[in-house]
Amino acid sequence: MRYRIDQLITSMVKKKRLASKLTQAEIARALNVSSSFVRQVETNRKHYSHRHLFVLSLYFKCNINEFFPNLNNINDFISSQGNQI
């Protein structure tokens, strides 16, 4: 089952990838995974692990929190998702 939080995280990573003009293959190399894995993540068939997000934060030189919903609005996010977080 895909959870909404995974989709939001994927969206944030993809946004950073595109803003940095990086290909899926470049992200795959940074994560030591296949390009098809990154493609599957971006089409919501798989999701990034905690380790992937940590490596991506180092790769993008950003805070890992940038991949998650704004914590100021987390209560609104949780209540809007019900059991599907």
Protein backbone atom coordinates (compact mmCIF):
# COMPACT_ATOMS: atom_id res chain seq x y z
CA MET A 1 0.00 0.00 0.00
CA ARG A 2 1.28 3.44 -0.92
CA TYR A 3 0.85 6.09 1.71
CA ARG A 4 0.31 9.77 1.03
CA ILE A 5 3.45 10.67 2.99
CA ASP A 6 5.54 8.55 0.58
CA GLN A 7 4.03 10.39 -2.37
CA LEU A 8 4.81 13.76 -0.77
CA ILE A 9 8.40 12.75 -0.05
CA THR A 10 8.82 11.49 -3.61
CA SER A 11 7.42 14.74 -4.93
CA MET A 12 9.86 16.80 -2.86
CA VAL A 13 12.85 14.71 -3.98
CA LYS A 14 11.79 14.92 -7.62
CA LYS A 15 11.33 18.69 -7.31
CA LYS A 16 14.91 19.00 -5.98
CA ARG A 17 16.20 16.70 -8.73
CA LEU A 18 14.56 18.75 -11.47
CA ALA A 19 15.63 22.07 -9.93
CA SER A 20 19.20 20.77 -9.92
CA LYS A 21 18.83 19.61 -13.55
CA LEU A 22 19.75 16.05 -12.59
CA THR A 23 18.63 12.90 -14.34
CA GLN A 24 17.12 9.83 -12.72
CA ALA A 25 20.35 8.02 -13.61
CA GLU A 26 22.43 10.53 -11.64
CA ILE A 27 20.21 10.09 -8.59
CA ALA A 28 20.41 6.32 -9.03
CA ARG A 29 24.22 6.46 -9.03
CA ALA A 30 24.23 8.58 -5.87
CA LEU A 31 21.97 6.04 -4.14
CA ASN A 32 23.72 2.99 -5.61
CA VAL A 33 20.45 1.74 -7.10
CA SER A 34 19.24 1.18 -10.64
CA SER A 35 17.70 3.90 -12.77
CA SER A 36 14.59 1.76 -12.97
CA PHE A 37 14.27 1.92 -9.16
CA VAL A 38 14.25 5.73 -9.27
CA ARG A 39 11.73 5.62 -12.12
CA GLN A 40 9.51 3.29 -10.07
CA VAL A 41 9.75 5.61 -7.08
CA GLU A 42 8.79 8.61 -9.20
CA THR A 43 5.78 6.71 -10.58
CA ASN A 44 4.68 5.71 -7.06
CA ARG A 45 5.36 1.98 -7.37
CA LYS A 46 8.20 1.98 -4.82
CA HIS A 47 9.42 4.44 -2.20
CA TYR A 48 12.69 5.77 -0.82
CA SER A 49 13.98 4.27 2.41
CA HIS A 50 15.29 6.27 5.35
CA ARG A 51 18.82 5.48 4.16
CA HIS A 52 17.99 6.79 0.68
CA LEU A 53 16.68 10.05 2.14
CA PHE A 54 19.78 10.45 4.29
CA VAL A 55 22.07 9.92 1.28
CA LEU A 56 19.96 12.32 -0.79
CA SER A 57 20.22 14.99 1.89
CA LEU A 58 24.02 14.68 1.73
CA TYR A 59 23.97 14.65 -2.07
CA PHE A 60 21.79 17.77 -2.31
CA LYS A 61 23.58 19.36 0.69
CA CYS A 62 20.25 20.03 2.37
CA ASN A 63 18.48 19.22 5.60
CA ILE A 64 16.64 15.90 5.44
CA ASN A 65 13.55 17.72 6.75
CA GLU A 66 13.22 19.38 3.36
CA PHE A 67 11.84 16.08 2.03
CA PHE A 68 8.96 16.02 4.54
CA PRO A 69 5.77 18.08 4.93
CA ASN A 70 6.16 21.33 6.82
CA LEU A 71 6.08 20.43 10.53
CA ASN A 72 4.19 23.62 11.32
CA ASN A 73 1.25 22.11 9.46
CA ILE A 74 1.73 18.48 10.51
CA ASN A 75 -1.46 18.30 12.58
CA ASP A 76 -3.50 19.51 9.62
CA PHE A 77 -1.70 17.02 7.40
CA ILE A 78 -2.35 14.10 9.78
CA SER A 79 -6.01 14.91 10.26
CA SER A 80 -6.52 15.26 6.51
CA GLN A 81 -5.02 11.81 5.83
CA GLY A 82 -6.90 9.66 8.35
CA ASN A 83 -5.32 6.20 8.32
CA GLN A 84 -3.48 6.77 5.04
CA ILE A 85 -0.39 8.59 6.33
